[in-house]
Amino acid sequence: MSPGDIGLQVTLGTEHPMRIRRSFAWPPRVRRRNVHAGFEGLPGRIGVYQGSTRIGAREIFVLIVFGRARPTDRQLQRTNEELRRARFG
């Protein structure tokens, strides 16, 4: 993964009983302080944002991987724009 890269994964699921509590409003706003390096199995130069919440009866899991430990303003802007475009039908 090069320093300018971003990997974004959004997973929807339904558990019975529900296990996830509502922890943020959709879409999440990813800020630099929410990105942490040293995620298990990844080199320290990689930054990761991870979160989960509920929307109605759905559980939403978000995993974002940045090509640098501290993402640039542009990387954060692009990530947040992409999350705002996500729709769950």
N, C-alpha and C. Protein backbone atom coordinates (compact mmCIF):
# COMPACT_ATOMS: atom_id res chain seq x y z
N MET A 1 0.86 -1.16 0.00
CA MET A 1 0.00 0.00 0.00
C MET A 1 0.90 1.23 0.00
N SER A 2 0.69 2.10 -0.97
CA SER A 2 1.50 3.31 -1.03
C SER A 2 0.93 4.37 -0.09
N PRO A 3 1.72 5.38 0.28
CA PRO A 3 1.27 6.38 1.25
C PRO A 3 -0.02 7.11 0.87
N GLY A 4 -0.31 7.26 -0.41
CA GLY A 4 -1.51 7.98 -0.82
C GLY A 4 -2.77 7.13 -0.92
N ASP A 5 -2.64 5.82 -0.70
CA ASP A 5 -3.77 4.91 -0.86
C ASP A 5 -4.74 4.95 0.32
N ILE A 6 -5.99 4.59 0.02
CA ILE A 6 -7.05 4.46 1.03
C ILE A 6 -7.83 3.19 0.71
N GLY A 7 -8.04 2.35 1.70
CA GLY A 7 -8.91 1.19 1.55
C GLY A 7 -10.11 1.38 2.46
N LEU A 8 -11.31 1.20 1.92
CA LEU A 8 -12.52 1.45 2.69
C LEU A 8 -13.44 0.25 2.57
N GLN A 9 -13.89 -0.27 3.71
CA GLN A 9 -14.81 -1.40 3.72
C GLN A 9 -15.98 -1.06 4.65
N VAL A 10 -17.19 -1.20 4.13
CA VAL A 10 -18.40 -1.02 4.92
C VAL A 10 -19.17 -2.33 4.83
N THR A 11 -19.46 -2.93 5.97
CA THR A 11 -20.16 -4.21 6.03
C THR A 11 -21.48 -4.02 6.77
N LEU A 12 -22.55 -4.54 6.18
CA LEU A 12 -23.87 -4.50 6.81
C LEU A 12 -24.21 -5.90 7.27
N GLY A 13 -24.84 -5.99 8.43
CA GLY A 13 -25.25 -7.28 8.93
C GLY A 13 -26.48 -7.15 9.82
N THR A 14 -27.10 -8.28 10.08
CA THR A 14 -28.23 -8.33 11.00
C THR A 14 -28.01 -9.51 11.92
N GLU A 15 -27.93 -9.25 13.20
CA GLU A 15 -27.76 -10.30 14.20
C GLU A 15 -29.04 -10.42 15.01
N HIS A 16 -29.32 -11.60 15.46
CA HIS A 16 -30.47 -11.83 16.34
C HIS A 16 -29.96 -12.58 17.55
N PRO A 17 -29.88 -11.98 18.70
CA PRO A 17 -30.25 -10.60 19.01
C PRO A 17 -29.16 -9.63 18.55
N MET A 18 -29.54 -8.35 18.40
CA MET A 18 -28.58 -7.33 17.99
C MET A 18 -27.52 -7.16 19.07
N ARG A 19 -26.29 -7.04 18.63
CA ARG A 19 -25.17 -6.92 19.56
C ARG A 19 -24.53 -5.54 19.55
N ILE A 20 -24.76 -4.79 18.50
CA ILE A 20 -24.12 -3.48 18.34
C ILE A 20 -25.06 -2.40 18.83
N ARG A 21 -24.52 -1.46 19.58
CA ARG A 21 -25.29 -0.28 19.99
C ARG A 21 -25.00 0.86 19.03
N ARG A 22 -25.89 1.81 18.98
CA ARG A 22 -25.68 3.00 18.15
C ARG A 22 -24.54 3.81 18.76
N SER A 23 -23.41 3.88 18.06
CA SER A 23 -22.24 4.58 18.60
C SER A 23 -21.87 5.83 17.82
N PHE A 24 -22.40 5.99 16.60
CA PHE A 24 -22.21 7.23 15.85
C PHE A 24 -23.34 7.36 14.84
N ALA A 25 -23.61 8.58 14.43
CA ALA A 25 -24.62 8.82 13.39
C ALA A 25 -24.00 8.52 12.04
N TRP A 26 -24.83 8.08 11.11
CA TRP A 26 -24.33 7.81 9.76
C TRP A 26 -24.46 9.06 8.93
N PRO A 27 -23.46 9.41 8.15
CA PRO A 27 -22.16 8.76 8.02
C PRO A 27 -21.21 9.22 9.11
N PRO A 28 -20.25 8.38 9.48
CA PRO A 28 -19.27 8.82 10.47
C PRO A 28 -18.39 9.91 9.88
N ARG A 29 -17.89 10.76 10.70
CA ARG A 29 -16.94 11.80 10.28
C ARG A 29 -15.58 11.36 10.78
N VAL A 30 -14.72 10.91 9.85
CA VAL A 30 -13.40 10.42 10.21
C VAL A 30 -12.46 11.60 10.36
N ARG A 31 -11.86 11.70 11.52
CA ARG A 31 -10.89 12.76 11.82
C ARG A 31 -9.54 12.11 12.11
N ARG A 32 -8.51 12.89 11.97
CA ARG A 32 -7.16 12.37 12.16
C ARG A 32 -7.02 11.72 13.55
N ARG A 33 -7.63 12.30 14.56
CA ARG A 33 -7.49 11.75 15.92
C ARG A 33 -8.16 10.38 16.07
N ASN A 34 -9.03 10.01 15.11
CA ASN A 34 -9.69 8.70 15.15
C ASN A 34 -8.90 7.62 14.43
N VAL A 35 -7.81 8.00 13.78
CA VAL A 35 -7.00 7.05 13.02
C VAL A 35 -5.81 6.63 13.87
N HIS A 36 -5.61 5.31 13.98
CA HIS A 36 -4.55 4.78 14.84
C HIS A 36 -3.64 3.87 14.03
N ALA A 37 -2.34 4.00 14.28
CA ALA A 37 -1.36 3.13 13.63
C ALA A 37 -1.05 1.97 14.58
N GLY A 38 -0.45 0.94 14.02
CA GLY A 38 -0.08 -0.21 14.83
C GLY A 38 -1.20 -1.23 14.96
N PHE A 39 -2.11 -1.24 13.99
CA PHE A 39 -3.20 -2.22 13.97
C PHE A 39 -2.61 -3.61 13.82
N GLU A 40 -3.15 -4.58 14.52
CA GLU A 40 -2.61 -5.94 14.52
C GLU A 40 -2.43 -6.49 13.11
N GLY A 41 -1.22 -6.94 12.83
CA GLY A 41 -0.92 -7.56 11.55
C GLY A 41 -0.50 -6.58 10.46
N LEU A 42 -0.56 -5.28 10.73
CA LEU A 42 -0.17 -4.27 9.74
C LEU A 42 1.07 -3.52 10.23
N PRO A 43 1.90 -3.06 9.29
CA PRO A 43 3.07 -2.29 9.72
C PRO A 43 2.65 -0.96 10.36
N GLY A 44 3.51 -0.41 11.20
CA GLY A 44 3.23 0.83 11.91
C GLY A 44 3.04 2.03 11.02
N ARG A 45 3.42 1.95 9.75
CA ARG A 45 3.25 3.08 8.83
C ARG A 45 1.83 3.17 8.29
N ILE A 46 0.98 2.20 8.62
CA ILE A 46 -0.41 2.14 8.14
C ILE A 46 -1.34 2.65 9.24
N GLY A 47 -2.26 3.56 8.89
CA GLY A 47 -3.25 4.07 9.83
C GLY A 47 -4.60 3.40 9.60
N VAL A 48 -5.34 3.17 10.67
CA VAL A 48 -6.62 2.46 10.58
C VAL A 48 -7.69 3.19 11.37
N TYR A 49 -8.88 3.30 10.77
CA TYR A 49 -10.08 3.75 11.47
C TYR A 49 -11.03 2.56 11.49
N GLN A 50 -11.62 2.32 12.65
CA GLN A 50 -12.56 1.22 12.78
C GLN A 50 -13.73 1.68 13.64
N GLY A 51 -14.95 1.37 13.21
CA GLY A 51 -16.12 1.74 13.98
C GLY A 51 -17.30 0.87 13.64
N SER A 52 -18.29 0.88 14.53
CA SER A 52 -19.52 0.14 14.27
C SER A 52 -20.68 0.88 14.91
N THR A 53 -21.85 0.73 14.30
CA THR A 53 -23.06 1.37 14.80
C THR A 53 -24.28 0.63 14.28
N ARG A 54 -25.43 1.08 14.67
CA ARG A 54 -26.69 0.53 14.18
C ARG A 54 -27.43 1.58 13.40
N ILE A 55 -28.08 1.12 12.34
CA ILE A 55 -29.03 1.95 11.60
C ILE A 55 -30.29 1.11 11.48
N GLY A 56 -31.32 1.47 12.23
CA GLY A 56 -32.53 0.65 12.25
C GLY A 56 -32.20 -0.74 12.75
N ALA A 57 -32.54 -1.76 11.95
CA ALA A 57 -32.28 -3.15 12.32
C ALA A 57 -30.95 -3.66 11.77
N ARG A 58 -30.16 -2.79 11.16
CA ARG A 58 -28.89 -3.20 10.56
C ARG A 58 -27.72 -2.78 11.42
N GLU A 59 -26.71 -3.63 11.45
CA GLU A 59 -25.46 -3.32 12.10
C GLU A 59 -24.46 -2.95 11.00
N ILE A 60 -23.77 -1.84 11.21
CA ILE A 60 -22.83 -1.32 10.21
C ILE A 60 -21.42 -1.36 10.80
N PHE A 61 -20.50 -1.96 10.07
CA PHE A 61 -19.10 -2.02 10.47
C PHE A 61 -18.28 -1.28 9.43
N VAL A 62 -17.41 -0.39 9.88
CA VAL A 62 -16.59 0.43 8.98
C VAL A 62 -15.12 0.16 9.30
N LEU A 63 -14.35 -0.15 8.27
CA LEU A 63 -12.90 -0.32 8.40
C LEU A 63 -12.25 0.49 7.29
N ILE A 64 -11.40 1.41 7.67
CA ILE A 64 -10.69 2.24 6.70
C ILE A 64 -9.20 2.12 6.97
N VAL A 65 -8.44 1.85 5.92
CA VAL A 65 -6.99 1.69 6.03
C VAL A 65 -6.34 2.77 5.17
N PHE A 66 -5.43 3.52 5.78
CA PHE A 66 -4.71 4.58 5.08
C PHE A 66 -3.26 4.15 4.86
N GLY A 67 -2.68 4.58 3.78
CA GLY A 67 -1.31 4.23 3.43
C GLY A 67 -0.25 4.93 4.26
N ARG A 68 -0.66 5.69 5.25
CA ARG A 68 0.27 6.35 6.17
C ARG A 68 -0.36 6.39 7.56
N ALA A 69 0.48 6.47 8.57
CA ALA A 69 0.00 6.45 9.95
C ALA A 69 -0.89 7.65 10.25
N ARG A 70 -0.55 8.80 9.70
CA ARG A 70 -1.35 10.01 9.88
C ARG A 70 -1.83 10.45 8.51
N PRO A 71 -3.11 10.21 8.20
CA PRO A 71 -3.62 10.56 6.86
C PRO A 71 -3.55 12.06 6.61
N THR A 72 -3.41 12.41 5.35
CA THR A 72 -3.38 13.81 4.96
C THR A 72 -4.79 14.39 5.01
N ASP A 73 -4.87 15.71 4.97
CA ASP A 73 -6.18 16.37 4.90
C ASP A 73 -6.96 15.88 3.69
N ARG A 74 -6.28 15.72 2.56
CA ARG A 74 -6.93 15.27 1.34
C ARG A 74 -7.47 13.84 1.49
N GLN A 75 -6.70 12.96 2.10
CA GLN A 75 -7.17 11.59 2.31
C GLN A 75 -8.42 11.59 3.20
N LEU A 76 -8.42 12.38 4.25
CA LEU A 76 -9.59 12.46 5.13
C LEU A 76 -10.79 13.03 4.39
N GLN A 77 -10.56 14.05 3.58
CA GLN A 77 -11.64 14.65 2.80
C GLN A 77 -12.25 13.63 1.84
N ARG A 78 -11.41 12.91 1.11
CA ARG A 78 -11.89 11.90 0.17
C ARG A 78 -12.66 10.78 0.88
N THR A 79 -12.16 10.36 2.02
CA THR A 79 -12.82 9.31 2.80
C THR A 79 -14.20 9.76 3.25
N ASN A 80 -14.30 10.95 3.81
CA ASN A 80 -15.58 11.44 4.30
C ASN A 80 -16.56 11.69 3.16
N GLU A 81 -16.08 12.13 2.02
CA GLU A 81 -16.96 12.30 0.85
C GLU A 81 -17.53 10.95 0.42
N GLU A 82 -16.70 9.93 0.40
CA GLU A 82 -17.14 8.60 -0.01
C GLU A 82 -18.18 8.04 0.98
N LEU A 83 -17.94 8.22 2.25
CA LEU A 83 -18.91 7.74 3.25
C LEU A 83 -20.24 8.46 3.13
N ARG A 84 -20.22 9.75 2.81
CA ARG A 84 -21.48 10.50 2.63
C ARG A 84 -22.28 9.99 1.44
N ARG A 85 -21.60 9.42 0.45
CA ARG A 85 -22.29 8.90 -0.76
C ARG A 85 -22.87 7.51 -0.55
N ALA A 86 -22.49 6.82 0.50
CA ALA A 86 -22.96 5.45 0.73
C ALA A 86 -24.45 5.43 1.01
N ARG A 87 -25.15 4.52 0.37
CA ARG A 87 -26.60 4.35 0.55
C ARG A 87 -26.89 2.89 0.84
N PHE A 88 -27.81 2.66 1.74
CA PHE A 88 -28.22 1.31 2.10
C PHE A 88 -29.65 1.13 1.71
N GLY A 89 -29.90 0.38 0.65
CA GLY A 89 -31.21 0.22 0.06
C GLY A 89 -32.22 -0.56 0.81
